[in-house]
Amino acid sequence: AVVSTQSTGNIRPDGRSKTGCREVKIHTNTVSSALGSAMVCYGNTRVIAGIKGRLAEPTINNPASGYIIPNISLPPLCNSKYRAGMPADKAVSISNKLDSICTDISDLVELSIVPGKVVWCLYLDVVCINDDGNVLDAAVLAVTAALYNCWLPETNVNEENGLVTLIPGGGEKKRLDVKFLPIAVTLSVFDEATLPDPTESEEQIEDGSLTCCIDQDGKMRAMWASVDLPDDMLAAALLYIQKRAAVLLSVLKKVSRDKP
């Protein structure tokens, strides 16, 4: 499924107005071997998210819950500023932000198969294919879309030995229950102005940034700021973010949720 939205203007270097955003596209079920996947494009910025599942032992602290482990890769192929080897600081920062969102996005108890013994561990891998700015927003949307379209294979528990196996072909797949749909909206801050959906060139000269994650009910799930904003600027920014998140949410809800 492919859906898009676009704003245009004539102020910024790429032709957008001060409040304009690049075209956003969401492609779902892009990785046939994944339990759920999505590719998101913000203009020339492109990321892909895929979910792999494996049966695992639960953690000691949460024996009746499964877990979701997100990670993003920013390879040199997506932008020459990244180097092979150790993860870039930006990748670590984004991965931590994704982890904070994924902690509550689903009822992890539902990922339990045999409480205290076997649970689902979902690896949520995000790869940036091209970084032309605002990778965080694209990554959050890709993660949300992938989880929104995640189907868990049917399992079988041997009553005699407790061995858990997957039904060949996936059996009667179960859709992952997603409690909320986080949408990230980032604004670059320049002196007394803010610009949404920054390109890489705008990120390089910004004074800082403000990112908020808003869910389908308009509730703020997270806020990350690298600069302090005056109260009036912050109020205006939050109002814009709420409106922009609603637009992106409408795009997300149009994507297919059919079984892969």
Protein backbone atom coordinates (compact mmCIF):
# COMPACT_ATOMS: atom_id res chain seq x y z
CA ALA A 1 0.00 0.00 0.00
CA VAL A 2 1.29 3.49 -0.84
CA VAL A 3 -0.24 6.74 0.39
CA SER A 4 1.17 10.26 0.46
CA THR A 5 0.67 13.86 1.51
CA GLN A 6 2.52 16.95 0.32
CA SER A 7 2.87 20.63 1.17
CA THR A 8 4.55 23.12 -1.14
CA GLY A 9 5.74 26.70 -0.89
CA ASN A 10 8.42 29.08 -2.20
CA ILE A 11 10.45 30.28 0.79
CA ARG A 12 12.96 27.62 1.80
CA PRO A 13 15.82 26.46 -0.46
CA ASP A 14 13.84 23.42 -1.61
CA GLY A 15 10.81 25.54 -2.46
CA ARG A 16 8.77 25.01 0.70
CA SER A 17 7.12 27.66 2.82
CA LYS A 18 8.25 28.11 6.42
CA THR A 19 5.55 25.70 7.57
CA GLY A 20 5.69 23.38 4.57
CA CYS A 21 6.66 19.74 4.79
CA ARG A 22 8.04 17.36 2.21
CA GLU A 23 5.94 14.66 0.60
CA VAL A 24 5.53 11.66 2.89
CA LYS A 25 4.99 8.14 1.57
CA ILE A 26 4.39 4.91 3.45
CA HIS A 27 4.90 1.52 1.79
CA THR A 28 3.84 -1.46 3.91
CA ASN A 29 4.84 -5.15 3.76
CA THR A 30 8.06 -4.28 1.95
CA VAL A 31 10.05 -7.17 3.46
CA SER A 32 8.39 -10.49 2.66
CA SER A 33 10.28 -12.42 5.36
CA ALA A 34 9.37 -9.98 8.16
CA LEU A 35 6.44 -10.26 10.57
CA GLY A 36 5.71 -6.63 9.76
CA SER A 37 7.55 -4.03 7.72
CA ALA A 38 7.29 -0.56 6.25
CA MET A 39 9.31 1.87 4.18
CA VAL A 40 8.82 5.57 4.80
CA CYS A 41 9.98 8.43 2.59
CA TYR A 42 10.20 12.05 3.74
CA GLY A 43 11.16 13.67 0.46
CA ASN A 44 14.57 12.17 -0.31
CA THR A 45 14.99 10.73 3.19
CA ARG A 46 14.13 7.05 3.16
CA VAL A 47 14.09 4.45 5.94
CA ILE A 48 12.84 0.89 6.12
CA ALA A 49 11.74 -1.01 9.24
CA GLY A 50 11.32 -4.76 9.55
CA ILE A 51 10.29 -6.98 12.45
CA LYS A 52 11.89 -10.36 13.09
CA GLY A 53 10.55 -12.61 15.81
CA ARG A 54 12.14 -15.41 17.76
CA LEU A 55 11.09 -17.53 20.71
CA ALA A 56 13.11 -16.62 23.79
CA GLU A 57 13.23 -16.83 27.55
CA PRO A 58 11.63 -13.88 29.36
CA THR A 59 13.67 -11.44 31.38
CA ILE A 60 14.06 -12.00 35.11
CA ASN A 61 12.29 -8.73 35.93
CA ASN A 62 9.32 -9.43 33.63
CA PRO A 63 8.83 -13.22 33.44
CA ALA A 64 5.29 -12.92 32.04
CA SER A 65 6.12 -10.45 29.26
CA GLY A 66 7.80 -10.54 25.88
CA TYR A 67 9.97 -7.71 24.64
CA ILE A 68 10.65 -5.48 21.65
CA ILE A 69 14.21 -4.49 20.77
CA PRO A 70 14.51 -1.59 18.31
CA ASN A 71 17.71 -0.58 16.57
CA ILE A 72 18.57 1.77 13.71
CA SER A 73 21.49 1.54 11.33
CA LEU A 74 22.93 4.60 9.57
CA PRO A 75 25.36 3.09 7.05
CA PRO A 76 27.80 5.12 4.95
CA LEU A 77 25.65 4.27 1.94
CA CYS A 78 22.85 6.52 3.22
CA ASN A 79 25.15 9.50 3.75
CA SER A 80 28.90 9.92 3.39
CA LYS A 81 29.11 11.63 6.80
CA TYR A 82 28.68 8.22 8.47
CA ARG A 83 31.54 5.78 8.81
CA ALA A 84 31.57 1.99 8.89
CA GLY A 85 32.32 0.32 12.21
CA MET A 86 31.01 1.73 15.47
CA PRO A 87 27.42 3.07 15.36
CA ALA A 88 27.18 6.81 14.88
CA ASP A 89 26.15 8.89 17.89
CA LYS A 90 23.01 9.82 15.98
CA ALA A 91 22.12 6.14 15.52
CA VAL A 92 22.54 5.47 19.25
CA SER A 93 20.41 8.49 20.09
CA ILE A 94 17.60 7.49 17.72
CA SER A 95 17.70 3.86 18.90
CA ASN A 96 17.29 5.04 22.50
CA LYS A 97 14.33 7.19 21.51
CA LEU A 98 12.71 4.30 19.63
CA ASP A 99 13.24 2.07 22.65
CA SER A 100 11.47 4.54 24.95
CA ILE A 101 8.47 4.52 22.61
CA CYS A 102 8.34 0.75 22.08
CA THR A 103 8.33 0.04 25.82
CA ASP A 104 4.63 0.89 26.08
CA ILE A 105 3.37 0.72 22.49
CA SER A 106 2.06 -2.82 22.91
CA ASP A 107 0.88 -4.96 25.82
CA LEU A 108 4.04 -7.00 26.24
CA VAL A 109 2.13 -9.60 28.26
CA GLU A 110 0.44 -10.59 25.01
CA LEU A 111 3.87 -11.59 23.72
CA SER A 112 4.07 -14.29 26.37
CA ILE A 113 3.51 -17.85 25.12
CA VAL A 114 4.33 -19.88 28.23
CA PRO A 115 4.56 -17.42 31.14
CA GLY A 116 7.94 -17.56 32.80
CA LYS A 117 9.37 -19.85 30.12
CA VAL A 118 8.80 -18.81 26.51
CA VAL A 119 7.93 -15.41 25.06
CA TRP A 120 8.16 -13.56 21.78
CA CYS A 121 11.23 -11.38 21.30
CA LEU A 122 10.61 -8.92 18.47
CA TYR A 123 13.67 -7.41 16.84
CA LEU A 124 12.66 -4.12 15.23
CA ASP A 125 15.44 -3.26 12.80
CA VAL A 126 15.44 0.10 11.05
CA VAL A 127 17.83 0.89 8.22
CA CYS A 128 18.29 4.34 6.74
CA ILE A 129 18.61 4.06 2.98
CA ASN A 130 19.09 7.78 2.37
CA ASP A 131 19.57 10.55 4.93
CA ASP A 132 18.48 13.95 3.67
CA GLY A 133 17.38 15.15 7.08
CA ASN A 134 14.71 14.37 9.67
CA VAL A 135 15.60 10.69 9.96
CA LEU A 136 14.06 10.53 13.45
CA ASP A 137 10.55 11.38 12.26
CA ALA A 138 10.85 8.94 9.36
CA ALA A 139 12.14 6.20 11.65
CA VAL A 140 9.33 6.63 14.17
CA LEU A 141 6.72 6.54 11.41
CA ALA A 142 8.32 3.43 9.87
CA VAL A 143 8.41 1.70 13.26
CA THR A 144 4.79 2.61 13.97
CA ALA A 145 3.68 1.42 10.53
CA ALA A 146 5.60 -1.86 10.87
CA LEU A 147 4.12 -2.60 14.30
CA TYR A 148 0.68 -1.53 13.04
CA ASN A 149 1.06 -4.20 10.35
CA CYS A 150 2.72 -6.91 12.45
CA TRP A 151 1.27 -10.43 12.48
CA LEU A 152 2.55 -13.10 14.87
CA PRO A 153 2.70 -16.74 13.68
CA GLU A 154 0.65 -19.36 15.51
CA THR A 155 2.57 -21.46 18.02
CA ASN A 156 2.08 -24.94 19.38
CA VAL A 157 2.94 -26.01 22.92
CA ASN A 158 3.71 -29.70 23.49
CA GLU A 159 1.91 -30.57 26.70
CA GLU A 160 4.29 -33.44 27.47
CA ASN A 161 7.65 -31.70 27.28
CA GLY A 162 6.60 -28.03 27.09
CA LEU A 163 8.41 -27.55 23.78
CA VAL A 164 7.10 -24.59 21.80
CA THR A 165 7.19 -24.70 18.01
CA LEU A 166 5.88 -22.55 15.19
CA ILE A 167 3.04 -23.85 13.04
CA PRO A 168 4.39 -24.44 9.49
CA GLY A 169 3.38 -21.63 7.17
CA GLY A 170 2.50 -19.41 10.12
CA GLY A 171 -0.83 -21.08 10.88
CA GLU A 172 -3.57 -18.75 12.07
CA LYS A 173 -1.59 -15.55 12.45
CA LYS A 174 -2.50 -13.07 15.17
CA ARG A 175 -2.27 -9.34 14.68
CA LEU A 176 -0.06 -7.56 17.21
CA ASP A 177 -2.20 -5.38 19.45
CA VAL A 178 -0.88 -1.82 19.30
CA LYS A 179 -2.11 0.36 22.16
CA PHE A 180 -1.25 3.69 20.56
CA LEU A 181 0.21 5.08 17.34
CA PRO A 182 3.12 7.46 18.02
CA ILE A 183 3.82 10.10 15.40
CA ALA A 184 7.00 12.18 15.67
CA VAL A 185 7.15 15.77 14.45
CA THR A 186 10.46 17.63 14.48
CA LEU A 187 11.05 21.37 14.21
CA SER A 188 14.45 22.92 13.60
CA VAL A 189 15.01 26.04 15.69
CA PHE A 190 16.67 29.13 14.20
CA ASP A 191 16.94 32.22 16.42
CA GLU A 192 13.27 33.15 16.79
CA ALA A 193 11.86 30.88 14.09
CA THR A 194 11.10 27.18 13.73
CA LEU A 195 11.03 25.10 10.54
CA PRO A 196 9.32 21.70 10.34
CA ASP A 197 10.70 18.61 8.63
CA PRO A 198 14.27 19.93 8.19
CA THR A 199 16.53 18.77 5.39
CA GLU A 200 20.10 17.76 6.12
CA SER A 201 21.41 21.18 5.04
CA GLU A 202 18.98 22.87 7.44
CA GLU A 203 19.97 20.53 10.27
CA GLN A 204 23.61 21.49 9.77
CA ILE A 205 22.93 25.16 10.55
CA GLU A 206 20.09 24.89 13.09
CA ASP A 207 20.50 26.20 16.61
CA GLY A 208 18.70 23.15 17.97
CA SER A 209 15.60 21.07 17.51
CA LEU A 210 12.31 20.13 19.15
CA THR A 211 10.65 16.75 18.58
CA CYS A 212 7.34 15.61 20.03
CA CYS A 213 5.64 12.23 19.72
CA ILE A 214 1.86 12.52 19.58
CA ASP A 215 -0.56 9.59 19.56
CA GLN A 216 -3.94 9.14 17.87
CA ASP A 217 -5.71 10.76 20.83
CA GLY A 218 -3.54 13.86 20.73
CA LYS A 219 -1.63 12.78 23.85
CA MET A 220 2.05 13.64 24.00
CA ARG A 221 4.06 10.45 24.45
CA ALA A 222 7.53 11.98 24.38
CA MET A 223 9.35 15.28 23.93
CA TRP A 224 13.00 15.74 23.05
CA ALA A 225 14.52 19.22 22.87
CA SER A 226 18.12 20.30 22.39
CA VAL A 227 17.38 23.99 22.91
CA ASP A 228 15.20 26.09 25.21
CA LEU A 229 12.33 27.93 23.56
CA PRO A 230 10.50 31.00 24.92
CA ASP A 231 7.02 30.21 26.16
CA ASP A 232 5.26 31.85 23.20
CA MET A 233 7.46 30.02 20.67
CA LEU A 234 6.94 26.73 22.47
CA ALA A 235 3.17 27.18 22.55
CA ALA A 236 3.07 27.94 18.81
CA ALA A 237 5.37 25.00 18.07
CA LEU A 238 3.24 22.56 20.06
CA LEU A 239 0.09 23.76 18.29
CA TYR A 240 1.73 23.18 14.91
CA ILE A 241 3.03 19.77 15.97
CA GLN A 242 -0.44 18.64 17.02
CA LYS A 243 -1.89 19.62 13.65
CA ARG A 244 0.95 18.04 11.69
CA ALA A 245 0.74 14.80 13.69
CA ALA A 246 -2.96 14.55 12.86
CA VAL A 247 -2.15 14.82 9.16
CA LEU A 248 0.49 12.09 9.34
CA LEU A 249 -1.82 9.89 11.40
CA SER A 250 -4.47 10.08 8.69
CA VAL A 251 -1.85 8.94 6.18
CA LEU A 252 -0.83 6.04 8.40
CA LYS A 253 -4.38 4.84 8.90
CA LYS A 254 -4.87 4.53 5.15
CA VAL A 255 -2.19 1.88 4.75
CA SER A 256 -3.15 -1.75 4.31
CA ARG A 257 -3.32 -4.00 7.39
CA ASP A 258 -3.73 -7.22 5.40
CA LYS A 259 -1.76 -10.27 6.41
CA PRO A 260 1.64 -10.34 4.67
